[in-house]
Amino acid sequence: MKYLDSKIAKRLEEKLQKLNQLRPLPKSAVKKLQDQLRIEMTFGHCSQKRS
């Protein structure tokens, strides 16, 4: 990830490692993540325009 700031890239790598340790995620957790992402993708662009 050379296009990212090194601090951000490091944080992303740490979070990915933590997520990988939790795999496989329970189906209920995956469903909650999908629902949350769907909401953010649907309404997130609206809140950015207002800011």
N, C-alpha and C. Protein backbone atom coordinates (compact mmCIF):
# COMPACT_ATOMS: atom_id res chain seq x y z
N MET A 1 0.83 -1.19 0.00
CA MET A 1 0.00 0.00 0.00
C MET A 1 0.87 1.24 0.00
N LYS A 2 1.62 1.43 -1.02
CA LYS A 2 2.56 2.54 -1.10
C LYS A 2 1.86 3.88 -1.26
N TYR A 3 0.62 3.89 -1.70
CA TYR A 3 -0.10 5.13 -1.91
C TYR A 3 -0.69 5.69 -0.61
N LEU A 4 -0.62 4.92 0.48
CA LEU A 4 -1.12 5.37 1.77
C LEU A 4 0.02 5.88 2.65
N ASP A 5 -0.33 6.77 3.54
CA ASP A 5 0.60 7.20 4.56
C ASP A 5 1.04 5.97 5.36
N SER A 6 2.29 5.91 5.73
CA SER A 6 2.81 4.70 6.40
C SER A 6 2.10 4.41 7.72
N LYS A 7 1.68 5.44 8.45
CA LYS A 7 0.96 5.22 9.71
C LYS A 7 -0.40 4.59 9.45
N ILE A 8 -1.08 5.05 8.42
CA ILE A 8 -2.39 4.50 8.09
C ILE A 8 -2.23 3.06 7.60
N ALA A 9 -1.24 2.82 6.76
CA ALA A 9 -1.00 1.47 6.26
C ALA A 9 -0.71 0.52 7.41
N LYS A 10 0.05 0.97 8.38
CA LYS A 10 0.38 0.12 9.54
C LYS A 10 -0.89 -0.20 10.34
N ARG A 11 -1.73 0.80 10.56
CA ARG A 11 -2.98 0.57 11.30
C ARG A 11 -3.88 -0.40 10.56
N LEU A 12 -3.97 -0.27 9.24
CA LEU A 12 -4.78 -1.19 8.46
C LEU A 12 -4.25 -2.62 8.55
N GLU A 13 -2.94 -2.77 8.48
CA GLU A 13 -2.34 -4.10 8.60
C GLU A 13 -2.64 -4.72 9.96
N GLU A 14 -2.54 -3.92 11.03
CA GLU A 14 -2.82 -4.42 12.37
C GLU A 14 -4.27 -4.84 12.50
N LYS A 15 -5.17 -4.04 11.94
CA LYS A 15 -6.59 -4.38 12.01
C LYS A 15 -6.90 -5.63 11.20
N LEU A 16 -6.26 -5.79 10.05
CA LEU A 16 -6.46 -6.98 9.23
C LEU A 16 -5.97 -8.22 9.97
N GLN A 17 -4.83 -8.12 10.62
CA GLN A 17 -4.31 -9.26 11.39
C GLN A 17 -5.28 -9.65 12.50
N LYS A 18 -5.82 -8.64 13.19
CA LYS A 18 -6.77 -8.90 14.27
C LYS A 18 -8.03 -9.56 13.71
N LEU A 19 -8.52 -9.05 12.60
CA LEU A 19 -9.71 -9.63 11.97
C LEU A 19 -9.45 -11.07 11.55
N ASN A 20 -8.30 -11.33 10.97
CA ASN A 20 -7.96 -12.69 10.53
C ASN A 20 -7.91 -13.67 11.69
N GLN A 21 -7.51 -13.19 12.87
CA GLN A 21 -7.47 -14.06 14.04
C GLN A 21 -8.87 -14.46 14.50
N LEU A 22 -9.85 -13.65 14.17
CA LEU A 22 -11.23 -13.91 14.59
C LEU A 22 -11.99 -14.80 13.60
N ARG A 23 -11.38 -15.06 12.47
CA ARG A 23 -12.06 -15.87 11.44
C ARG A 23 -12.15 -17.32 11.86
N PRO A 24 -13.15 -18.02 11.48
CA PRO A 24 -14.32 -17.56 10.73
C PRO A 24 -15.26 -16.80 11.66
N LEU A 25 -15.82 -15.73 11.13
CA LEU A 25 -16.77 -14.94 11.90
C LEU A 25 -18.10 -15.67 11.99
N PRO A 26 -18.79 -15.50 13.11
CA PRO A 26 -20.13 -16.10 13.21
C PRO A 26 -21.07 -15.50 12.15
N LYS A 27 -22.02 -16.28 11.69
CA LYS A 27 -22.96 -15.80 10.67
C LYS A 27 -23.69 -14.54 11.13
N SER A 28 -24.01 -14.47 12.41
CA SER A 28 -24.73 -13.29 12.93
C SER A 28 -23.86 -12.04 12.83
N ALA A 29 -22.57 -12.17 13.05
CA ALA A 29 -21.66 -11.03 12.95
C ALA A 29 -21.53 -10.58 11.49
N VAL A 30 -21.45 -11.53 10.58
CA VAL A 30 -21.35 -11.20 9.15
C VAL A 30 -22.61 -10.47 8.71
N LYS A 31 -23.76 -10.93 9.16
CA LYS A 31 -25.04 -10.30 8.81
C LYS A 31 -25.08 -8.87 9.32
N LYS A 32 -24.66 -8.65 10.56
CA LYS A 32 -24.65 -7.29 11.12
C LYS A 32 -23.71 -6.38 10.33
N LEU A 33 -22.56 -6.89 9.96
CA LEU A 33 -21.61 -6.10 9.17
C LEU A 33 -22.19 -5.76 7.80
N GLN A 34 -22.84 -6.72 7.16
CA GLN A 34 -23.45 -6.47 5.86
C GLN A 34 -24.54 -5.41 5.97
N ASP A 35 -25.37 -5.52 6.99
CA ASP A 35 -26.45 -4.54 7.18
C ASP A 35 -25.89 -3.15 7.43
N GLN A 36 -24.87 -3.06 8.26
CA GLN A 36 -24.27 -1.76 8.56
C GLN A 36 -23.62 -1.15 7.32
N LEU A 37 -22.92 -1.96 6.56
CA LEU A 37 -22.28 -1.47 5.35
C LEU A 37 -23.33 -1.00 4.34
N ARG A 38 -24.42 -1.73 4.21
CA ARG A 38 -25.49 -1.36 3.30
C ARG A 38 -26.05 0.02 3.69
N ILE A 39 -26.25 0.25 4.97
CA ILE A 39 -26.75 1.54 5.45
C ILE A 39 -25.75 2.64 5.16
N GLU A 40 -24.48 2.40 5.46
CA GLU A 40 -23.46 3.42 5.23
C GLU A 40 -23.30 3.74 3.74
N MET A 41 -23.39 2.72 2.90
CA MET A 41 -23.24 2.95 1.46
C MET A 41 -24.47 3.67 0.89
N THR A 42 -25.63 3.43 1.50
CA THR A 42 -26.86 4.05 1.02
C THR A 42 -26.97 5.50 1.48
N PHE A 43 -26.72 5.75 2.75
CA PHE A 43 -26.95 7.07 3.31
C PHE A 43 -25.67 7.85 3.59
N GLY A 44 -24.53 7.21 3.54
CA GLY A 44 -23.27 7.88 3.86
C GLY A 44 -22.96 9.03 2.92
N HIS A 45 -23.27 8.89 1.65
CA HIS A 45 -22.97 9.96 0.69
C HIS A 45 -23.82 11.19 0.97
N CYS A 46 -25.00 11.03 1.53
CA CYS A 46 -25.87 12.16 1.85
C CYS A 46 -25.28 13.00 2.97
N SER A 47 -24.78 12.34 3.98
CA SER A 47 -24.21 13.09 5.12
C SER A 47 -22.92 13.80 4.72
N GLN A 48 -22.16 13.27 3.77
CA GLN A 48 -20.94 13.92 3.33
C GLN A 48 -21.25 15.20 2.58
N LYS A 49 -22.33 15.23 1.82
CA LYS A 49 -22.69 16.42 1.06
C LYS A 49 -23.12 17.56 1.97
N ARG A 50 -23.72 17.22 3.10
CA ARG A 50 -24.20 18.25 4.03
C ARG A 50 -23.08 18.88 4.84
N SER A 51 -22.00 18.17 5.01
CA SER A 51 -20.90 18.68 5.84
C SER A 51 -20.19 19.84 5.20
